[in-house]
Amino acid sequence: MDGIHLLGEWYDCPADTPQFTQAESLRTLCIDAAKASGLTVVGDSFYQFEPQGVTGTVLLAESHIAIHTWPEAGFVTVDVYVCNLQTDNTAKAEHVFRALEAALKPRRTRFQAIHRGGRDA
């Protein structure tokens, strides 16, 4: 199966951003970004850590979004993976990734794009 896996590490995110610190705000951001890009949300799970931090996943018909925040360190990891079974969903994955990054406002980033699958040689 052909697909694209976008991986981000975001540093120095503002600690007062609700999506960075509150599970329900981050959930809404992720689901809205997925739907706005044209991806199909089929489930989600988000967990609020005490005293802070959120971990969450959005299950997509096309694959998934996973995001984890560490407000005490200003750090976020995110991955957006989509399969390209019937159509190329790369632009949709990139749209989700950019929307999440814009909302969480990192000052520094690391980014990787991994092309997955393809024809077996």
PDB file of N, CA and C in Angstrom:
ATOM      1  N   MET A   1       0.834  -1.181   0.000  1.00  0.00           N
ATOM      2  CA  MET A   1       0.000   0.000   0.000  1.00  0.00           C
ATOM      3  C   MET A   1       0.872   1.235   0.000  1.00  0.00           C
ATOM      4  N   ASP A   2       0.657   2.098  -0.926  1.00  0.00           N
ATOM      5  CA  ASP A   2       1.381   3.348  -1.070  1.00  0.00           C
ATOM      6  C   ASP A   2       0.800   4.387  -0.112  1.00  0.00           C
ATOM      7  N   GLY A   3       1.667   5.196   0.512  1.00  0.00           N
ATOM      8  CA  GLY A   3       1.184   6.238   1.412  1.00  0.00           C
ATOM      9  C   GLY A   3       2.272   7.217   1.772  1.00  0.00           C
ATOM     10  N   ILE A   4       1.881   8.264   2.514  1.00  0.00           N
ATOM     11  CA  ILE A   4       2.829   9.270   2.993  1.00  0.00           C
ATOM     12  C   ILE A   4       2.672   9.383   4.503  1.00  0.00           C
ATOM     13  N   HIS A   5       3.801   9.441   5.203  1.00  0.00           N
ATOM     14  CA  HIS A   5       3.818   9.563   6.661  1.00  0.00           C
ATOM     15  C   HIS A   5       4.608  10.823   6.994  1.00  0.00           C
ATOM     16  N   LEU A   6       3.924  11.818   7.518  1.00  0.00           N
ATOM     17  CA  LEU A   6       4.539  13.096   7.879  1.00  0.00           C
ATOM     18  C   LEU A   6       4.807  13.099   9.376  1.00  0.00           C
ATOM     19  N   LEU A   7       6.040  13.374   9.765  1.00  0.00           N
ATOM     20  CA  LEU A   7       6.453  13.351  11.163  1.00  0.00           C
ATOM     21  C   LEU A   7       6.996  14.714  11.564  1.00  0.00           C
ATOM     22  N   GLY A   8       6.515  15.222  12.679  1.00  0.00           N
ATOM     23  CA  GLY A   8       6.988  16.517  13.156  1.00  0.00           C
ATOM     24  C   GLY A   8       7.373  16.488  14.611  1.00  0.00           C
ATOM     25  N   GLU A   9       8.396  17.252  14.930  1.00  0.00           N
ATOM     26  CA  GLU A   9       8.776  17.562  16.299  1.00  0.00           C
ATOM     27  C   GLU A   9       8.768  19.078  16.386  1.00  0.00           C
ATOM     28  N   TRP A  10       7.932  19.587  17.289  1.00  0.00           N
ATOM     29  CA  TRP A  10       7.743  21.036  17.396  1.00  0.00           C
ATOM     30  C   TRP A  10       8.214  21.509  18.753  1.00  0.00           C
ATOM     31  N   TYR A  11       9.092  22.503  18.744  1.00  0.00           N
ATOM     32  CA  TYR A  11       9.737  23.004  19.949  1.00  0.00           C
ATOM     33  C   TYR A  11       9.301  24.437  20.244  1.00  0.00           C
ATOM     34  N   ASP A  12       9.350  24.779  21.516  1.00  0.00           N
ATOM     35  CA  ASP A  12       9.068  26.147  21.975  1.00  0.00           C
ATOM     36  C   ASP A  12       7.656  26.599  21.593  1.00  0.00           C
ATOM     37  N   CYS A  13       6.688  25.734  21.780  1.00  0.00           N
ATOM     38  CA  CYS A  13       5.286  26.092  21.568  1.00  0.00           C
ATOM     39  C   CYS A  13       4.813  26.915  22.758  1.00  0.00           C
ATOM     40  N   PRO A  14       3.974  27.940  22.517  1.00  0.00           N
ATOM     41  CA  PRO A  14       3.473  28.746  23.638  1.00  0.00           C
ATOM     42  C   PRO A  14       2.622  27.898  24.591  1.00  0.00           C
ATOM     43  N   ALA A  15       2.931  27.965  25.870  1.00  0.00           N
ATOM     44  CA  ALA A  15       2.267  27.132  26.875  1.00  0.00           C
ATOM     45  C   ALA A  15       0.815  27.529  27.113  1.00  0.00           C
ATOM     46  N   ASP A  16       0.414  28.723  26.699  1.00  0.00           N
ATOM     47  CA  ASP A  16      -0.954  29.168  26.978  1.00  0.00           C
ATOM     48  C   ASP A  16      -1.933  28.856  25.845  1.00  0.00           C
ATOM     49  N   THR A  17      -1.510  28.125  24.837  1.00  0.00           N
ATOM     50  CA  THR A  17      -2.385  27.744  23.729  1.00  0.00           C
ATOM     51  C   THR A  17      -3.315  26.628  24.201  1.00  0.00           C
ATOM     52  N   PRO A  18      -4.653  26.830  24.195  1.00  0.00           N
ATOM     53  CA  PRO A  18      -5.565  25.796  24.703  1.00  0.00           C
ATOM     54  C   PRO A  18      -5.383  24.437  24.027  1.00  0.00           C
ATOM     55  N   GLN A  19      -5.114  24.417  22.727  1.00  0.00           N
ATOM     56  CA  GLN A  19      -4.947  23.153  22.013  1.00  0.00           C
ATOM     57  C   GLN A  19      -3.696  22.407  22.467  1.00  0.00           C
ATOM     58  N   PHE A  20      -2.798  23.107  23.106  1.00  0.00           N
ATOM     59  CA  PHE A  20      -1.560  22.529  23.584  1.00  0.00           C
ATOM     60  C   PHE A  20      -1.740  21.869  24.944  1.00  0.00           C
ATOM     61  N   THR A  21      -2.715  22.362  25.715  1.00  0.00           N
ATOM     62  CA  THR A  21      -2.833  21.949  27.104  1.00  0.00           C
ATOM     63  C   THR A  21      -4.138  21.243  27.450  1.00  0.00           C
ATOM     64  N   GLN A  22      -5.154  21.313  26.595  1.00  0.00           N
ATOM     65  CA  GLN A  22      -6.480  20.784  26.915  1.00  0.00           C
ATOM     66  C   GLN A  22      -6.910  19.732  25.897  1.00  0.00           C
ATOM     67  N   ALA A  23      -7.244  18.552  26.383  1.00  0.00           N
ATOM     68  CA  ALA A  23      -7.578  17.436  25.494  1.00  0.00           C
ATOM     69  C   ALA A  23      -8.739  17.763  24.558  1.00  0.00           C
ATOM     70  N   GLU A  24      -9.795  18.362  25.064  1.00  0.00           N
ATOM     71  CA  GLU A  24     -10.960  18.622  24.212  1.00  0.00           C
ATOM     72  C   GLU A  24     -10.638  19.651  23.125  1.00  0.00           C
ATOM     73  N   SER A  25      -9.842  20.660  23.459  1.00  0.00           N
ATOM     74  CA  SER A  25      -9.438  21.651  22.449  1.00  0.00           C
ATOM     75  C   SER A  25      -8.556  21.022  21.378  1.00  0.00           C
ATOM     76  N   LEU A  26      -7.629  20.157  21.785  1.00  0.00           N
ATOM     77  CA  LEU A  26      -6.759  19.490  20.818  1.00  0.00           C
ATOM     78  C   LEU A  26      -7.561  18.527  19.950  1.00  0.00           C
ATOM     79  N   ARG A  27      -8.497  17.821  20.552  1.00  0.00           N
ATOM     80  CA  ARG A  27      -9.377  16.912  19.804  1.00  0.00           C
ATOM     81  C   ARG A  27     -10.133  17.665  18.714  1.00  0.00           C
ATOM     82  N   THR A  28     -10.747  18.785  19.099  1.00  0.00           N
ATOM     83  CA  THR A  28     -11.501  19.586  18.134  1.00  0.00           C
ATOM     84  C   THR A  28     -10.605  20.071  17.003  1.00  0.00           C
ATOM     85  N   LEU A  29      -9.407  20.551  17.339  1.00  0.00           N
ATOM     86  CA  LEU A  29      -8.460  21.010  16.326  1.00  0.00           C
ATOM     87  C   LEU A  29      -8.131  19.899  15.338  1.00  0.00           C
ATOM     88  N   CYS A  30      -7.792  18.723  15.842  1.00  0.00           N
ATOM     89  CA  CYS A  30      -7.390  17.603  14.976  1.00  0.00           C
ATOM     90  C   CYS A  30      -8.538  17.136  14.084  1.00  0.00           C
ATOM     91  N   ILE A  31      -9.712  16.985  14.668  1.00  0.00           N
ATOM     92  CA  ILE A  31     -10.865  16.522  13.883  1.00  0.00           C
ATOM     93  C   ILE A  31     -11.265  17.559  12.839  1.00  0.00           C
ATOM     94  N   ASP A  32     -11.294  18.829  13.237  1.00  0.00           N
ATOM     95  CA  ASP A  32     -11.638  19.881  12.273  1.00  0.00           C
ATOM     96  C   ASP A  32     -10.626  19.953  11.131  1.00  0.00           C
ATOM     97  N   ALA A  33      -9.342  19.806  11.448  1.00  0.00           N
ATOM     98  CA  ALA A  33      -8.301  19.842  10.407  1.00  0.00           C
ATOM     99  C   ALA A  33      -8.455  18.666   9.449  1.00  0.00           C
ATOM    100  N   ALA A  34      -8.747  17.491   9.989  1.00  0.00           N
ATOM    101  CA  ALA A  34      -8.926  16.310   9.135  1.00  0.00           C
ATOM    102  C   ALA A  34     -10.117  16.488   8.208  1.00  0.00           C
ATOM    103  N   LYS A  35     -11.232  16.925   8.770  1.00  0.00           N
ATOM    104  CA  LYS A  35     -12.440  17.099   7.952  1.00  0.00           C
ATOM    105  C   LYS A  35     -12.260  18.203   6.914  1.00  0.00           C
ATOM    106  N   ALA A  36     -11.612  19.305   7.308  1.00  0.00           N
ATOM    107  CA  ALA A  36     -11.385  20.413   6.369  1.00  0.00           C
ATOM    108  C   ALA A  36     -10.507  19.998   5.198  1.00  0.00           C
ATOM    109  N   SER A  37      -9.644  19.012   5.412  1.00  0.00           N
ATOM    110  CA  SER A  37      -8.758  18.551   4.338  1.00  0.00           C
ATOM    111  C   SER A  37      -9.425  17.524   3.434  1.00  0.00           C
ATOM    112  N   GLY A  38     -10.608  17.055   3.837  1.00  0.00           N
ATOM    113  CA  GLY A  38     -11.313  16.064   3.028  1.00  0.00           C
ATOM    114  C   GLY A  38     -11.050  14.631   3.442  1.00  0.00           C
ATOM    115  N   LEU A  39     -10.407  14.425   4.602  1.00  0.00           N
ATOM    116  CA  LEU A  39     -10.189  13.078   5.110  1.00  0.00           C
ATOM    117  C   LEU A  39     -11.411  12.617   5.900  1.00  0.00           C
ATOM    118  N   THR A  40     -11.540  11.307   6.100  1.00  0.00           N
ATOM    119  CA  THR A  40     -12.724  10.719   6.722  1.00  0.00           C
ATOM    120  C   THR A  40     -12.405  10.251   8.135  1.00  0.00           C
ATOM    121  N   VAL A  41     -12.959  10.944   9.135  1.00  0.00           N
ATOM    122  CA  VAL A  41     -12.758  10.586  10.535  1.00  0.00           C
ATOM    123  C   VAL A  41     -13.687   9.423  10.879  1.00  0.00           C
ATOM    124  N   VAL A  42     -13.114   8.339  11.428  1.00  0.00           N
ATOM    125  CA  VAL A  42     -13.931   7.186  11.827  1.00  0.00           C
ATOM    126  C   VAL A  42     -13.848   6.912  13.327  1.00  0.00           C
ATOM    127  N   GLY A  43     -13.025   7.665  14.051  1.00  0.00           N
ATOM    128  CA  GLY A  43     -12.929   7.506  15.498  1.00  0.00           C
ATOM    129  C   GLY A  43     -11.829   8.382  16.057  1.00  0.00           C
ATOM    130  N   ASP A  44     -11.797   8.503  17.398  1.00  0.00           N
ATOM    131  CA  ASP A  44     -10.741   9.275  18.037  1.00  0.00           C
ATOM    132  C   ASP A  44     -10.643   8.878  19.502  1.00  0.00           C
ATOM    133  N   SER A  45      -9.492   9.175  20.092  1.00  0.00           N
ATOM    134  CA  SER A  45      -9.290   8.990  21.518  1.00  0.00           C
ATOM    135  C   SER A  45      -8.246  10.007  21.982  1.00  0.00           C
ATOM    136  N   PHE A  46      -8.604  10.792  22.999  1.00  0.00           N
ATOM    137  CA  PHE A  46      -7.698  11.798  23.554  1.00  0.00           C
ATOM    138  C   PHE A  46      -7.669  11.639  25.065  1.00  0.00           C
ATOM    139  N   TYR A  47      -6.469  11.816  25.647  1.00  0.00           N
ATOM    140  CA  TYR A  47      -6.299  11.635  27.073  1.00  0.00           C
ATOM    141  C   TYR A  47      -5.609  12.850  27.667  1.00  0.00           C
ATOM    142  N   GLN A  48      -6.173  13.382  28.732  1.00  0.00           N
ATOM    143  CA  GLN A  48      -5.617  14.524  29.459  1.00  0.00           C
ATOM    144  C   GLN A  48      -4.758  14.019  30.610  1.00  0.00           C
ATOM    145  N   PHE A  49      -3.464  14.341  30.590  1.00  0.00           N
ATOM    146  CA  PHE A  49      -2.586  13.998  31.706  1.00  0.00           C
ATOM    147  C   PHE A  49      -2.697  15.064  32.789  1.00  0.00           C
ATOM    148  N   GLU A  50      -2.450  14.660  34.038  1.00  0.00           N
ATOM    149  CA  GLU A  50      -2.387  15.604  35.151  1.00  0.00           C
ATOM    150  C   GLU A  50      -0.958  15.632  35.665  1.00  0.00           C
ATOM    151  N   PRO A  51      -0.354  16.783  35.860  1.00  0.00           N
ATOM    152  CA  PRO A  51      -1.013  18.067  35.833  1.00  0.00           C
ATOM    153  C   PRO A  51      -1.150  18.684  34.442  1.00  0.00           C
ATOM    154  N   GLN A  52      -0.487  18.112  33.430  1.00  0.00           N
ATOM    155  CA  GLN A  52      -0.564  18.713  32.096  1.00  0.00           C
ATOM    156  C   GLN A  52      -0.148  17.708  31.033  1.00  0.00           C
ATOM    157  N   GLY A  53      -0.454  18.054  29.785  1.00  0.00           N
ATOM    158  CA  GLY A  53      -0.100  17.215  28.650  1.00  0.00           C
ATOM    159  C   GLY A  53      -1.293  16.464  28.102  1.00  0.00           C
ATOM    160  N   VAL A  54      -1.246  16.209  26.813  1.00  0.00           N
ATOM    161  CA  VAL A  54      -2.332  15.525  26.118  1.00  0.00           C
ATOM    162  C   VAL A  54      -1.722  14.525  25.142  1.00  0.00           C
ATOM    163  N   THR A  55      -2.356  13.390  25.011  1.00  0.00           N
ATOM    164  CA  THR A  55      -2.018  12.444  23.958  1.00  0.00           C
ATOM    165  C   THR A  55      -3.301  12.115  23.223  1.00  0.00           C
ATOM    166  N   GLY A  56      -3.235  12.036  21.895  1.00  0.00           N
ATOM    167  CA  GLY A  56      -4.455  11.765  21.152  1.00  0.00           C
ATOM    168  C   GLY A  56      -4.218  11.149  19.800  1.00  0.00           C
ATOM    169  N   THR A  57      -5.241  10.458  19.357  1.00  0.00           N
ATOM    170  CA  THR A  57      -5.232   9.884  18.018  1.00  0.00           C
ATOM    171  C   THR A  57      -6.578  10.125  17.357  1.00  0.00           C
ATOM    172  N   VAL A  58      -6.523  10.316  16.058  1.00  0.00           N
ATOM    173  CA  VAL A  58      -7.716  10.369  15.230  1.00  0.00           C
ATOM    174  C   VAL A  58      -7.566   9.255  14.213  1.00  0.00           C
ATOM    175  N   LEU A  59      -8.502   8.332  14.245  1.00  0.00           N
ATOM    176  CA  LEU A  59      -8.506   7.225  13.297  1.00  0.00           C
ATOM    177  C   LEU A  59      -9.201   7.696  12.022  1.00  0.00           C
ATOM    178  N   LEU A  60      -8.539   7.554  10.912  1.00  0.00           N
ATOM    179  CA  LEU A  60      -9.065   7.975   9.618  1.00  0.00           C
ATOM    180  C   LEU A  60      -9.335   6.750   8.755  1.00  0.00           C
ATOM    181  N   ALA A  61     -10.304   6.836   7.879  1.00  0.00           N
ATOM    182  CA  ALA A  61     -10.493   5.779   6.892  1.00  0.00           C
ATOM    183  C   ALA A  61      -9.208   5.630   6.076  1.00  0.00           C
ATOM    184  N   GLU A  62      -8.487   6.736   5.910  1.00  0.00           N
ATOM    185  CA  GLU A  62      -7.254   6.752   5.133  1.00  0.00           C
ATOM    186  C   GLU A  62      -6.025   6.377   5.967  1.00  0.00           C
ATOM    187  N   SER A  63      -6.097   6.387   7.292  1.00  0.00           N
ATOM    188  CA  SER A  63      -5.073   5.927   8.233  1.00  0.00           C
ATOM    189  C   SER A  63      -5.196   6.630   9.573  1.00  0.00           C
ATOM    190  N   HIS A  64      -4.278   7.588   9.950  1.00  0.00           N
ATOM    191  CA  HIS A  64      -4.371   8.154  11.294  1.00  0.00           C
ATOM    192  C   HIS A  64      -3.630   9.478  11.449  1.00  0.00           C
ATOM    193  N   ILE A  65      -3.971  10.159  12.560  1.00  0.00           N
ATOM    194  CA  ILE A  65      -3.238  11.299  13.092  1.00  0.00           C
ATOM    195  C   ILE A  65      -2.906  10.931  14.536  1.00  0.00           C
ATOM    196  N   ALA A  66      -1.680  11.136  14.963  1.00  0.00           N
ATOM    197  CA  ALA A  66      -1.302  10.935  16.362  1.00  0.00           C
ATOM    198  C   ALA A  66      -0.550  12.188  16.822  1.00  0.00           C
ATOM    199  N   ILE A  67      -0.888  12.664  18.037  1.00  0.00           N
ATOM    200  CA  ILE A  67      -0.270  13.883  18.544  1.00  0.00           C
ATOM    201  C   ILE A  67      -0.080  13.761  20.053  1.00  0.00           C
ATOM    202  N   HIS A  68       1.040  14.301  20.533  1.00  0.00           N
ATOM    203  CA  HIS A  68       1.393  14.218  21.947  1.00  0.00           C
ATOM    204  C   HIS A  68       2.007  15.549  22.365  1.00  0.00           C
ATOM    205  N   THR A  69       1.526  16.125  23.485  1.00  0.00           N
ATOM    206  CA  THR A  69       2.037  17.418  23.936  1.00  0.00           C
ATOM    207  C   THR A  69       2.691  17.304  25.305  1.00  0.00           C
ATOM    208  N   TRP A  70       3.747  18.075  25.488  1.00  0.00           N
ATOM    209  CA  TRP A  70       4.448  18.214  26.756  1.00  0.00           C
ATOM    210  C   TRP A  70       4.548  19.705  27.052  1.00  0.00           C
ATOM    211  N   PRO A  71       3.498  20.311  27.624  1.00  0.00           N
ATOM    212  CA  PRO A  71       3.509  21.757  27.871  1.00  0.00           C
ATOM    213  C   PRO A  71       4.682  22.222  28.731  1.00  0.00           C
ATOM    214  N   GLU A  72       5.078  21.403  29.707  1.00  0.00           N
ATOM    215  CA  GLU A  72       6.183  21.797  30.591  1.00  0.00           C
ATOM    216  C   GLU A  72       7.486  21.972  29.821  1.00  0.00           C
ATOM    217  N   ALA A  73       7.599  21.354  28.652  1.00  0.00           N
ATOM    218  CA  ALA A  73       8.798  21.461  27.819  1.00  0.00           C
ATOM    219  C   ALA A  73       8.541  22.252  26.533  1.00  0.00           C
ATOM    220  N   GLY A  74       7.291  22.685  26.305  1.00  0.00           N
ATOM    221  CA  GLY A  74       6.966  23.400  25.072  1.00  0.00           C
ATOM    222  C   GLY A  74       7.116  22.537  23.838  1.00  0.00           C
ATOM    223  N   PHE A  75       6.866  21.234  23.977  1.00  0.00           N
ATOM    224  CA  PHE A  75       7.206  20.261  22.934  1.00  0.00           C
ATOM    225  C   PHE A  75       5.972  19.475  22.480  1.00  0.00           C
ATOM    226  N   VAL A  76       5.923  19.196  21.178  1.00  0.00           N
ATOM    227  CA  VAL A  76       4.848  18.404  20.577  1.00  0.00           C
ATOM    228  C   VAL A  76       5.472  17.431  19.579  1.00  0.00           C
ATOM    229  N   THR A  77       4.958  16.198  19.553  1.00  0.00           N
ATOM    230  CA  THR A  77       5.256  15.301  18.438  1.00  0.00           C
ATOM    231  C   THR A  77       3.945  15.029  17.717  1.00  0.00           C
ATOM    232  N   VAL A  78       4.028  14.937  16.408  1.00  0.00           N
ATOM    233  CA  VAL A  78       2.831  14.698  15.601  1.00  0.00           C
ATOM    234  C   VAL A  78       3.194  13.802  14.430  1.00  0.00           C
ATOM    235  N   ASP A  79       2.280  12.900  14.097  1.00  0.00           N
ATOM    236  CA  ASP A  79       2.443  12.184  12.842  1.00  0.00           C
ATOM    237  C   ASP A  79       1.086  12.071  12.157  1.00  0.00           C
ATOM    238  N   VAL A  80       1.148  12.266  10.861  1.00  0.00           N
ATOM    239  CA  VAL A  80      -0.025  12.180   9.992  1.00  0.00           C
ATOM    240  C   VAL A  80       0.324  11.165   8.914  1.00  0.00           C
ATOM    241  N   TYR A  81      -0.412  10.074   8.901  1.00  0.00           N
ATOM    242  CA  TYR A  81      -0.167   9.018   7.923  1.00  0.00           C
ATOM    243  C   TYR A  81      -1.435   8.789   7.120  1.00  0.00           C
ATOM    244  N   VAL A  82      -1.312   8.808   5.798  1.00  0.00           N
ATOM    245  CA  VAL A  82      -2.455   8.511   4.928  1.00  0.00           C
ATOM    246  C   VAL A  82      -2.037   7.530   3.845  1.00  0.00           C
ATOM    247  N   CYS A  83      -2.948   6.640   3.535  1.00  0.00           N
ATOM    248  CA  CYS A  83      -2.776   5.702   2.429  1.00  0.00           C
ATOM    249  C   CYS A  83      -3.303   6.346   1.154  1.00  0.00           C
ATOM    250  N   ASN A  84      -2.823   5.864   0.051  1.00  0.00           N
ATOM    251  CA  ASN A  84      -3.231   6.368  -1.260  1.00  0.00           C
ATOM    252  C   ASN A  84      -3.852   5.239  -2.080  1.00  0.00           C
ATOM    253  N   LEU A  85      -4.859   4.580  -1.513  1.00  0.00           N
ATOM    254  CA  LEU A  85      -5.447   3.419  -2.165  1.00  0.00           C
ATOM    255  C   LEU A  85      -6.145   3.774  -3.466  1.00  0.00           C
ATOM    256  N   GLN A  86      -7.139   4.640  -3.404  1.00  0.00           N
ATOM    257  CA  GLN A  86      -7.902   4.985  -4.610  1.00  0.00           C
ATOM    258  C   GLN A  86      -7.533   6.340  -5.181  1.00  0.00           C
ATOM    259  N   THR A  87      -6.867   7.167  -4.371  1.00  0.00           N
ATOM    260  CA  THR A  87      -6.467   8.495  -4.816  1.00  0.00           C
ATOM    261  C   THR A  87      -5.244   8.933  -4.022  1.00  0.00           C
ATOM    262  N   ASP A  88      -4.504   9.896  -4.540  1.00  0.00           N
ATOM    263  CA  ASP A  88      -3.331  10.419  -3.834  1.00  0.00           C
ATOM    264  C   ASP A  88      -3.806  11.402  -2.766  1.00  0.00           C
ATOM    265  N   ASN A  89      -3.638  11.037  -1.509  1.00  0.00           N
ATOM    266  CA  ASN A  89      -4.071  11.863  -0.378  1.00  0.00           C
ATOM    267  C   ASN A  89      -2.942  12.704   0.219  1.00  0.00           C
ATOM    268  N   THR A  90      -1.821  12.812  -0.466  1.00  0.00           N
ATOM    269  CA  THR A  90      -0.668  13.541   0.050  1.00  0.00           C
ATOM    270  C   THR A  90      -1.015  14.980   0.387  1.00  0.00           C
ATOM    271  N   ALA A  91      -1.690  15.692  -0.487  1.00  0.00           N
ATOM    272  CA  ALA A  91      -2.036  17.097  -0.236  1.00  0.00           C
ATOM    273  C   ALA A  91      -2.948  17.228   0.978  1.00  0.00           C
ATOM    274  N   LYS A  92      -3.824  16.261   1.193  1.00  0.00           N
ATOM    275  CA  LYS A  92      -4.704  16.287   2.361  1.00  0.00           C
ATOM    276  C   LYS A  92      -3.895  16.118   3.641  1.00  0.00           C
ATOM    277  N   ALA A  93      -2.934  15.204   3.640  1.00  0.00           N
ATOM    278  CA  ALA A  93      -2.069  15.007   4.810  1.00  0.00           C
ATOM    279  C   ALA A  93      -1.268  16.277   5.103  1.00  0.00           C
ATOM    280  N   GLU A  94      -0.737  16.892   4.059  1.00  0.00           N
ATOM    281  CA  GLU A  94       0.031  18.130   4.228  1.00  0.00           C
ATOM    282  C   GLU A  94      -0.845  19.242   4.786  1.00  0.00           C
ATOM    283  N   HIS A  95      -2.094  19.325   4.332  1.00  0.00           N
ATOM    284  CA  HIS A  95      -3.032  20.338   4.833  1.00  0.00           C
ATOM    285  C   HIS A  95      -3.268  20.156   6.332  1.00  0.00           C
ATOM    286  N   VAL A  96      -3.509  18.928   6.773  1.00  0.00           N
ATOM    287  CA  VAL A  96      -3.710  18.649   8.201  1.00  0.00           C
ATOM    288  C   VAL A  96      -2.467  19.052   8.992  1.00  0.00           C
ATOM    289  N   PHE A  97      -1.316  18.633   8.525  1.00  0.00           N
ATOM    290  CA  PHE A  97      -0.061  18.904   9.216  1.00  0.00           C
ATOM    291  C   PHE A  97       0.149  20.406   9.384  1.00  0.00           C
ATOM    292  N   ARG A  98      -0.052  21.165   8.308  1.00  0.00           N
ATOM    293  CA  ARG A  98       0.131  22.627   8.357  1.00  0.00           C
ATOM    294  C   ARG A  98      -0.882  23.285   9.290  1.00  0.00           C
ATOM    295  N   ALA A  99      -2.128  22.799   9.303  1.00  0.00           N
ATOM    296  CA  ALA A  99      -3.155  23.374  10.182  1.00  0.00           C
ATOM    297  C   ALA A  99      -2.799  23.164  11.648  1.00  0.00           C
ATOM    298  N   LEU A 100      -2.330  21.983  11.988  1.00  0.00           N
ATOM    299  CA  LEU A 100      -1.938  21.707  13.367  1.00  0.00           C
ATOM    300  C   LEU A 100      -0.732  22.558  13.767  1.00  0.00           C
ATOM    301  N   GLU A 101       0.231  22.647  12.883  1.00  0.00           N
ATOM    302  CA  GLU A 101       1.427  23.447  13.162  1.00  0.00           C
ATOM    303  C   GLU A 101       1.069  24.922  13.351  1.00  0.00           C
ATOM    304  N   ALA A 102       0.184  25.446  12.517  1.00  0.00           N
ATOM    305  CA  ALA A 102      -0.218  26.853  12.620  1.00  0.00           C
ATOM    306  C   ALA A 102      -0.906  27.132  13.960  1.00  0.00           C
ATOM    307  N   ALA A 103      -1.701  26.185  14.437  1.00  0.00           N
ATOM    308  CA  ALA A 103      -2.425  26.384  15.691  1.00  0.00           C
ATOM    309  C   ALA A 103      -1.512  26.282  16.915  1.00  0.00           C
ATOM    310  N   LEU A 104      -0.509  25.418  16.853  1.00  0.00           N
ATOM    311  CA  LEU A 104       0.350  25.183  18.019  1.00  0.00           C
ATOM    312  C   LEU A 104       1.583  26.083  18.047  1.00  0.00           C
ATOM    313  N   LYS A 105       1.871  26.767  16.939  1.00  0.00           N
ATOM    314  CA  LYS A 105       2.859  27.845  16.856  1.00  0.00           C
ATOM    315  C   LYS A 105       4.273  27.522  17.368  1.00  0.00           C
ATOM    316  N   PRO A 106       4.885  26.443  16.890  1.00  0.00           N
ATOM    317  CA  PRO A 106       6.258  26.176  17.332  1.00  0.00           C
ATOM    318  C   PRO A 106       7.220  27.224  16.784  1.00  0.00           C
ATOM    319  N   ARG A 107       8.254  27.508  17.566  1.00  0.00           N
ATOM    320  CA  ARG A 107       9.296  28.427  17.104  1.00  0.00           C
ATOM    321  C   ARG A 107      10.361  27.688  16.311  1.00  0.00           C
ATOM    322  N   ARG A 108      10.533  26.384  16.617  1.00  0.00           N
ATOM    323  CA  ARG A 108      11.490  25.546  15.898  1.00  0.00           C
ATOM    324  C   ARG A 108      10.810  24.236  15.559  1.00  0.00           C
ATOM    325  N   THR A 109      11.199  23.653  14.428  1.00  0.00           N
ATOM    326  CA  THR A 109      10.585  22.393  14.017  1.00  0.00           C
ATOM    327  C   THR A 109      11.620  21.449  13.417  1.00  0.00           C
ATOM    328  N   ARG A 110      11.284  20.165  13.487  1.00  0.00           N
ATOM    329  CA  ARG A 110      11.969  19.123  12.720  1.00  0.00           C
ATOM    330  C   ARG A 110      10.883  18.406  11.947  1.00  0.00           C
ATOM    331  N   PHE A 111      11.168  18.074  10.708  1.00  0.00           N
ATOM    332  CA  PHE A 111      10.156  17.488   9.829  1.00  0.00           C
ATOM    333  C   PHE A 111      10.768  16.356   9.029  1.00  0.00           C
ATOM    334  N   GLN A 112       9.989  15.273   8.881  1.00  0.00           N
ATOM    335  CA  GLN A 112      10.369  14.167   8.007  1.00  0.00           C
ATOM    336  C   GLN A 112       9.140  13.729   7.234  1.00  0.00           C
ATOM    337  N   ALA A 113       9.333  13.382   5.989  1.00  0.00           N
ATOM    338  CA  ALA A 113       8.274  12.781   5.179  1.00  0.00           C
ATOM    339  C   ALA A 113       8.791  11.429   4.710  1.00  0.00           C
ATOM    340  N   ILE A 114       8.037  10.394   5.036  1.00  0.00           N
ATOM    341  CA  ILE A 114       8.427   9.037   4.670  1.00  0.00           C
ATOM    342  C   ILE A 114       7.399   8.495   3.692  1.00  0.00           C
ATOM    343  N   HIS A 115       7.861   8.058   2.529  1.00  0.00           N
ATOM    344  CA  HIS A 115       6.981   7.427   1.566  1.00  0.00           C
ATOM    345  C   HIS A 115       6.930   5.944   1.913  1.00  0.00           C
ATOM    346  N   ARG A 116       5.719   5.466   2.147  1.00  0.00           N
ATOM    347  CA  ARG A 116       5.556   4.092   2.619  1.00  0.00           C
ATOM    348  C   ARG A 116       4.908   3.231   1.549  1.00  0.00           C
ATOM    349  N   GLY A 117       5.240   1.954   1.608  1.00  0.00           N
ATOM    350  CA  GLY A 117       4.620   0.997   0.705  1.00  0.00           C
ATOM    351  C   GLY A 117       5.173   1.093  -0.703  1.00  0.00           C
ATOM    352  N   GLY A 118       4.306   0.865  -1.656  1.00  0.00           N
ATOM    353  CA  GLY A 118       4.708   0.832  -3.050  1.00  0.00           C
ATOM    354  C   GLY A 118       4.742  -0.602  -3.534  1.00  0.00           C
ATOM    355  N   ARG A 119       5.150  -0.767  -4.727  1.00  0.00           N
ATOM    356  CA  ARG A 119       5.210  -2.126  -5.314  1.00  0.00           C
ATOM    357  C   ARG A 119       6.376  -2.914  -4.742  1.00  0.00           C
ATOM    358  N   ASP A 120       6.100  -4.159  -4.429  1.00  0.00           N
ATOM    359  CA  ASP A 120       7.150  -5.049  -3.957  1.00  0.00           C
ATOM    360  C   ASP A 120       7.991  -5.476  -5.158  1.00  0.00           C
ATOM    361  N   ALA A 121       9.306  -5.260  -5.085  1.00  0.00           N
ATOM    362  CA  ALA A 121      10.192  -5.555  -6.222  1.00  0.00           C
ATOM    363  C   ALA A 121      10.365  -7.035  -6.465  1.00  0.00           C
TER     364      ALA A 121
END
